[in-house]
Amino acid sequence: MSSMTQQPPASPYAATPNPLRPEDEKTWAILTHIGGLFVPLIGPLIVYLVLRDRGPFIRHHSATAFNFHVTMTLASIVGGILTIVLVGILILAAVGILWFVLAIVAALAAGRGDFYTYPLSIPFVR
């Protein structure tokens, strides 16, 4: 029998051994966005690696948060290097404001149960 004729699982949770409850997914999604402000790469990466297979909502938010925090870290490095020519100071200020504001916006969206994607984010993982 061809794999093209097999039906997908009826529920996105059907193939998951221990799915999180929807309210737990929301909580972890909020924590991964806010946690990224305190431990920018490590927090979202740990949540992504540990919980990505526990539900579609947490997979989306943890991957999105990790991608955003990697993008902002790279932008900070570029801004830090460009402080030699003074434009880096503006880049660092913009990155700092965007990093904080967009992480809060994403956490609020996660709390509402919305799938949120950061603007200006490079998709490293999905």
N, C-alpha and C. Protein backbone atom coordinates (compact mmCIF):
# COMPACT_ATOMS: atom_id res chain seq x y z
N MET A 1 0.84 -1.17 0.00
CA MET A 1 0.00 0.00 0.00
C MET A 1 0.88 1.24 0.00
N SER A 2 0.56 2.19 -0.79
CA SER A 2 1.36 3.40 -0.94
C SER A 2 1.17 4.32 0.27
N SER A 3 2.24 5.02 0.62
CA SER A 3 2.14 5.95 1.74
C SER A 3 1.25 7.15 1.40
N MET A 4 1.00 7.37 0.15
CA MET A 4 0.15 8.48 -0.28
C MET A 4 -1.32 8.23 0.06
N THR A 5 -1.71 6.98 0.26
CA THR A 5 -3.11 6.67 0.53
C THR A 5 -3.41 6.57 2.01
N GLN A 6 -2.40 6.65 2.86
CA GLN A 6 -2.64 6.58 4.29
C GLN A 6 -3.26 7.88 4.78
N GLN A 7 -4.19 7.76 5.69
CA GLN A 7 -4.88 8.91 6.25
C GLN A 7 -4.04 9.52 7.38
N PRO A 8 -4.01 10.85 7.49
CA PRO A 8 -3.30 11.46 8.61
C PRO A 8 -4.07 11.19 9.90
N PRO A 9 -3.42 11.34 11.04
CA PRO A 9 -4.12 11.14 12.31
C PRO A 9 -5.31 12.08 12.41
N ALA A 10 -6.36 11.64 13.07
CA ALA A 10 -7.57 12.44 13.21
C ALA A 10 -7.32 13.69 14.04
N SER A 11 -6.41 13.62 14.96
CA SER A 11 -6.11 14.73 15.85
C SER A 11 -4.62 15.04 15.77
N PRO A 12 -4.23 16.31 15.89
CA PRO A 12 -2.79 16.60 15.89
C PRO A 12 -2.08 16.01 17.11
N TYR A 13 -2.83 15.60 18.11
CA TYR A 13 -2.25 15.01 19.32
C TYR A 13 -2.18 13.48 19.23
N ALA A 14 -2.76 12.87 18.20
CA ALA A 14 -2.87 11.42 18.13
C ALA A 14 -1.51 10.72 18.12
N ALA A 15 -0.52 11.30 17.47
CA ALA A 15 0.79 10.66 17.37
C ALA A 15 1.69 11.03 18.55
N THR A 16 1.23 11.86 19.44
CA THR A 16 2.03 12.33 20.56
C THR A 16 1.82 11.41 21.77
N PRO A 17 2.91 10.85 22.32
CA PRO A 17 2.74 9.92 23.43
C PRO A 17 2.15 10.57 24.68
N ASN A 18 2.61 11.72 25.05
CA ASN A 18 2.14 12.40 26.26
C ASN A 18 1.82 13.86 25.94
N PRO A 19 0.70 14.13 25.31
CA PRO A 19 0.43 15.51 24.95
C PRO A 19 0.17 16.37 26.19
N LEU A 20 0.56 17.63 26.06
CA LEU A 20 0.27 18.58 27.13
C LEU A 20 -1.20 18.99 27.03
N ARG A 21 -1.78 19.33 28.15
CA ARG A 21 -3.13 19.91 28.13
C ARG A 21 -3.03 21.29 27.50
N PRO A 22 -4.07 21.75 26.82
CA PRO A 22 -4.01 23.06 26.16
C PRO A 22 -3.59 24.20 27.10
N GLU A 23 -4.06 24.19 28.33
CA GLU A 23 -3.67 25.27 29.26
C GLU A 23 -2.20 25.18 29.63
N ASP A 24 -1.65 23.95 29.68
CA ASP A 24 -0.21 23.81 29.94
C ASP A 24 0.61 24.26 28.73
N GLU A 25 0.11 23.99 27.54
CA GLU A 25 0.79 24.48 26.33
C GLU A 25 0.84 26.00 26.35
N LYS A 26 -0.26 26.64 26.73
CA LYS A 26 -0.30 28.10 26.80
C LYS A 26 0.73 28.61 27.81
N THR A 27 0.75 27.98 28.97
CA THR A 27 1.69 28.41 30.02
C THR A 27 3.13 28.30 29.54
N TRP A 28 3.48 27.16 28.94
CA TRP A 28 4.85 26.98 28.45
C TRP A 28 5.17 27.92 27.30
N ALA A 29 4.18 28.20 26.46
CA ALA A 29 4.40 29.15 25.35
C ALA A 29 4.70 30.54 25.90
N ILE A 30 3.95 30.96 26.90
CA ILE A 30 4.20 32.26 27.53
C ILE A 30 5.60 32.27 28.14
N LEU A 31 5.93 31.22 28.86
CA LEU A 31 7.24 31.15 29.52
C LEU A 31 8.40 31.14 28.54
N THR A 32 8.22 30.50 27.39
CA THR A 32 9.33 30.47 26.43
C THR A 32 9.58 31.85 25.83
N HIS A 33 8.53 32.64 25.64
CA HIS A 33 8.73 34.00 25.11
C HIS A 33 9.35 34.91 26.17
N ILE A 34 8.81 34.88 27.37
CA ILE A 34 9.33 35.73 28.45
C ILE A 34 10.70 35.24 28.90
N GLY A 35 10.87 33.93 28.99
CA GLY A 35 12.16 33.37 29.40
C GLY A 35 13.28 33.74 28.46
N GLY A 36 12.92 33.93 27.19
CA GLY A 36 13.92 34.34 26.20
C GLY A 36 14.52 35.71 26.48
N LEU A 37 13.81 36.53 27.25
CA LEU A 37 14.35 37.83 27.62
C LEU A 37 15.45 37.68 28.68
N PHE A 38 15.35 36.65 29.50
CA PHE A 38 16.31 36.47 30.59
C PHE A 38 17.46 35.54 30.21
N VAL A 39 17.16 34.51 29.45
CA VAL A 39 18.19 33.59 28.92
C VAL A 39 17.90 33.41 27.43
N PRO A 40 18.35 34.38 26.62
CA PRO A 40 17.91 34.51 25.23
C PRO A 40 17.97 33.27 24.36
N LEU A 41 18.99 32.53 24.35
CA LEU A 41 19.05 31.38 23.46
C LEU A 41 18.72 30.08 24.18
N ILE A 42 19.17 29.96 25.39
CA ILE A 42 19.05 28.71 26.14
C ILE A 42 17.60 28.40 26.51
N GLY A 43 16.87 29.38 27.02
CA GLY A 43 15.48 29.15 27.45
C GLY A 43 14.59 28.61 26.34
N PRO A 44 14.45 29.35 25.23
CA PRO A 44 13.61 28.84 24.14
C PRO A 44 14.12 27.53 23.53
N LEU A 45 15.43 27.36 23.48
CA LEU A 45 15.98 26.13 22.92
C LEU A 45 15.63 24.92 23.78
N ILE A 46 15.74 25.05 25.09
CA ILE A 46 15.40 23.95 25.99
C ILE A 46 13.92 23.60 25.87
N VAL A 47 13.06 24.62 25.85
CA VAL A 47 11.62 24.36 25.72
C VAL A 47 11.34 23.68 24.39
N TYR A 48 11.98 24.14 23.32
CA TYR A 48 11.78 23.54 22.01
C TYR A 48 12.21 22.07 22.00
N LEU A 49 13.40 21.79 22.52
CA LEU A 49 13.91 20.42 22.48
C LEU A 49 13.12 19.47 23.37
N VAL A 50 12.66 19.95 24.51
CA VAL A 50 11.97 19.08 25.46
C VAL A 50 10.49 18.92 25.13
N LEU A 51 9.82 19.99 24.70
CA LEU A 51 8.37 19.95 24.57
C LEU A 51 7.83 20.00 23.14
N ARG A 52 8.67 20.06 22.14
CA ARG A 52 8.19 20.25 20.76
C ARG A 52 7.26 19.16 20.28
N ASP A 53 7.39 17.96 20.80
CA ASP A 53 6.53 16.85 20.37
C ASP A 53 5.32 16.65 21.27
N ARG A 54 5.08 17.58 22.18
CA ARG A 54 3.98 17.43 23.13
C ARG A 54 2.72 18.16 22.71
N GLY A 55 2.76 18.84 21.56
CA GLY A 55 1.57 19.51 21.04
C GLY A 55 1.94 20.55 20.00
N PRO A 56 1.05 20.81 19.07
CA PRO A 56 1.34 21.76 17.98
C PRO A 56 1.49 23.20 18.45
N PHE A 57 0.77 23.58 19.49
CA PHE A 57 0.83 24.97 19.96
C PHE A 57 2.20 25.27 20.57
N ILE A 58 2.68 24.39 21.44
CA ILE A 58 3.98 24.62 22.07
C ILE A 58 5.11 24.46 21.05
N ARG A 59 4.94 23.58 20.09
CA ARG A 59 5.96 23.43 19.04
C ARG A 59 6.09 24.74 18.26
N HIS A 60 4.96 25.31 17.86
CA HIS A 60 4.99 26.56 17.10
C HIS A 60 5.63 27.68 17.91
N HIS A 61 5.17 27.86 19.15
CA HIS A 61 5.67 28.98 19.95
C HIS A 61 7.13 28.81 20.37
N SER A 62 7.54 27.61 20.70
CA SER A 62 8.94 27.43 21.09
C SER A 62 9.87 27.61 19.89
N ALA A 63 9.48 27.11 18.72
CA ALA A 63 10.30 27.31 17.52
C ALA A 63 10.34 28.78 17.14
N THR A 64 9.19 29.45 17.20
CA THR A 64 9.12 30.87 16.86
C THR A 64 9.97 31.70 17.82
N ALA A 65 9.87 31.40 19.11
CA ALA A 65 10.67 32.14 20.10
C ALA A 65 12.16 31.90 19.89
N PHE A 66 12.55 30.65 19.66
CA PHE A 66 13.97 30.36 19.44
C PHE A 66 14.48 31.10 18.20
N ASN A 67 13.73 31.04 17.10
CA ASN A 67 14.14 31.74 15.88
C ASN A 67 14.30 33.23 16.12
N PHE A 68 13.36 33.82 16.82
CA PHE A 68 13.42 35.26 17.09
C PHE A 68 14.62 35.62 17.95
N HIS A 69 14.85 34.85 18.99
CA HIS A 69 15.96 35.17 19.89
C HIS A 69 17.32 34.95 19.22
N VAL A 70 17.42 33.98 18.33
CA VAL A 70 18.66 33.83 17.55
C VAL A 70 18.84 35.03 16.63
N THR A 71 17.77 35.44 15.96
CA THR A 71 17.84 36.60 15.07
C THR A 71 18.26 37.86 15.84
N MET A 72 17.68 38.08 17.00
CA MET A 72 18.01 39.27 17.79
C MET A 72 19.44 39.19 18.34
N THR A 73 19.90 37.99 18.67
CA THR A 73 21.29 37.84 19.12
C THR A 73 22.25 38.18 18.00
N LEU A 74 21.97 37.69 16.80
CA LEU A 74 22.81 38.02 15.64
C LEU A 74 22.80 39.51 15.35
N ALA A 75 21.61 40.13 15.43
CA ALA A 75 21.51 41.57 15.20
C ALA A 75 22.30 42.34 16.27
N SER A 76 22.30 41.86 17.49
CA SER A 76 23.06 42.50 18.57
C SER A 76 24.57 42.40 18.31
N ILE A 77 24.99 41.26 17.82
CA ILE A 77 26.41 41.08 17.50
C ILE A 77 26.82 42.04 16.39
N VAL A 78 26.00 42.13 15.35
CA VAL A 78 26.28 43.07 14.25
C VAL A 78 26.30 44.51 14.77
N GLY A 79 25.31 44.85 15.60
CA GLY A 79 25.29 46.19 16.19
C GLY A 79 26.50 46.46 17.05
N GLY A 80 26.92 45.45 17.82
CA GLY A 80 28.12 45.62 18.65
C GLY A 80 29.36 45.86 17.82
N ILE A 81 29.48 45.14 16.72
CA ILE A 81 30.64 45.34 15.84
C ILE A 81 30.58 46.72 15.20
N LEU A 82 29.39 47.15 14.80
CA LEU A 82 29.24 48.44 14.12
C LEU A 82 29.29 49.65 15.05
N THR A 83 29.44 49.43 16.36
CA THR A 83 29.61 50.58 17.24
C THR A 83 30.92 51.31 16.94
N ILE A 84 31.81 50.63 16.26
CA ILE A 84 33.07 51.27 15.84
C ILE A 84 32.77 52.47 14.95
N VAL A 85 31.74 52.37 14.12
CA VAL A 85 31.37 53.48 13.23
C VAL A 85 30.12 54.20 13.73
N LEU A 86 29.79 54.04 14.99
CA LEU A 86 28.70 54.72 15.70
C LEU A 86 27.29 54.31 15.29
N VAL A 87 27.06 53.80 14.09
CA VAL A 87 25.71 53.38 13.70
C VAL A 87 25.27 52.17 14.54
N GLY A 88 26.21 51.45 15.06
CA GLY A 88 25.90 50.29 15.89
C GLY A 88 25.13 50.65 17.14
N ILE A 89 25.35 51.85 17.66
CA ILE A 89 24.61 52.28 18.85
C ILE A 89 23.12 52.35 18.54
N LEU A 90 22.77 52.88 17.37
CA LEU A 90 21.36 52.94 16.96
C LEU A 90 20.79 51.54 16.74
N ILE A 91 21.59 50.67 16.14
CA ILE A 91 21.15 49.29 15.91
C ILE A 91 20.91 48.60 17.24
N LEU A 92 21.83 48.75 18.19
CA LEU A 92 21.67 48.11 19.49
C LEU A 92 20.44 48.64 20.23
N ALA A 93 20.19 49.94 20.13
CA ALA A 93 19.00 50.51 20.77
C ALA A 93 17.73 49.95 20.13
N ALA A 94 17.69 49.90 18.81
CA ALA A 94 16.51 49.37 18.12
C ALA A 94 16.30 47.90 18.45
N VAL A 95 17.37 47.13 18.46
CA VAL A 95 17.27 45.71 18.77
C VAL A 95 16.75 45.51 20.19
N GLY A 96 17.27 46.27 21.12
CA GLY A 96 16.83 46.16 22.52
C GLY A 96 15.35 46.44 22.68
N ILE A 97 14.87 47.49 22.04
CA ILE A 97 13.45 47.84 22.13
C ILE A 97 12.60 46.76 21.45
N LEU A 98 12.98 46.37 20.23
CA LEU A 98 12.22 45.33 19.51
C LEU A 98 12.20 44.02 20.29
N TRP A 99 13.34 43.64 20.83
CA TRP A 99 13.46 42.39 21.56
C TRP A 99 12.45 42.35 22.71
N PHE A 100 12.43 43.41 23.49
CA PHE A 100 11.54 43.46 24.66
C PHE A 100 10.08 43.53 24.25
N VAL A 101 9.74 44.47 23.38
CA VAL A 101 8.34 44.70 23.01
C VAL A 101 7.75 43.49 22.31
N LEU A 102 8.46 42.94 21.33
CA LEU A 102 7.91 41.81 20.57
C LEU A 102 7.81 40.54 21.41
N ALA A 103 8.70 40.36 22.37
CA ALA A 103 8.59 39.19 23.26
C ALA A 103 7.33 39.31 24.12
N ILE A 104 7.02 40.51 24.58
CA ILE A 104 5.80 40.73 25.37
C ILE A 104 4.57 40.51 24.50
N VAL A 105 4.58 41.04 23.28
CA VAL A 105 3.46 40.86 22.35
C VAL A 105 3.24 39.37 22.08
N ALA A 106 4.31 38.63 21.86
CA ALA A 106 4.20 37.19 21.60
C ALA A 106 3.66 36.45 22.82
N ALA A 107 4.11 36.82 24.02
CA ALA A 107 3.62 36.18 25.24
C ALA A 107 2.13 36.45 25.42
N LEU A 108 1.70 37.66 25.15
CA LEU A 108 0.27 37.99 25.25
C LEU A 108 -0.54 37.19 24.23
N ALA A 109 -0.02 37.06 23.02
CA ALA A 109 -0.71 36.27 21.99
C ALA A 109 -0.80 34.80 22.43
N ALA A 110 0.26 34.27 22.99
CA ALA A 110 0.25 32.89 23.48
C ALA A 110 -0.78 32.72 24.59
N GLY A 111 -0.87 33.71 25.46
CA GLY A 111 -1.85 33.66 26.54
C GLY A 111 -3.29 33.66 26.03
N ARG A 112 -3.52 34.30 24.90
CA ARG A 112 -4.85 34.31 24.28
C ARG A 112 -5.11 33.03 23.50
N GLY A 113 -4.07 32.23 23.28
CA GLY A 113 -4.22 31.00 22.51
C GLY A 113 -4.00 31.20 21.02
N ASP A 114 -3.42 32.34 20.64
CA ASP A 114 -3.15 32.63 19.24
C ASP A 114 -1.79 32.11 18.81
N PHE A 115 -1.71 31.68 17.56
CA PHE A 115 -0.42 31.32 16.96
C PHE A 115 0.21 32.62 16.48
N TYR A 116 1.37 32.96 17.03
CA TYR A 116 2.02 34.24 16.72
C TYR A 116 3.35 33.96 16.04
N THR A 117 3.66 34.76 15.03
CA THR A 117 4.96 34.70 14.37
C THR A 117 5.59 36.08 14.44
N TYR A 118 6.81 36.14 14.92
CA TYR A 118 7.52 37.41 15.03
C TYR A 118 7.83 37.98 13.65
N PRO A 119 7.69 39.29 13.49
CA PRO A 119 8.20 39.89 12.26
C PRO A 119 9.72 39.98 12.35
N LEU A 120 10.38 40.07 11.23
CA LEU A 120 11.84 40.25 11.17
C LEU A 120 12.63 39.06 11.72
N SER A 121 12.02 37.90 11.78
CA SER A 121 12.68 36.74 12.37
C SER A 121 13.11 35.77 11.26
N ILE A 122 14.33 35.27 11.38
CA ILE A 122 14.84 34.30 10.41
C ILE A 122 14.41 32.90 10.88
N PRO A 123 13.75 32.10 10.05
CA PRO A 123 13.30 30.77 10.49
C PRO A 123 14.43 29.73 10.43
N PHE A 124 15.08 29.51 11.55
CA PHE A 124 16.15 28.52 11.64
C PHE A 124 15.57 27.13 11.89
N VAL A 125 14.59 27.02 12.77
CA VAL A 125 13.91 25.75 13.05
C VAL A 125 12.42 25.92 12.85
N ARG A 126 11.73 24.82 12.61
CA ARG A 126 10.27 24.87 12.42
C ARG A 126 9.59 23.89 13.34
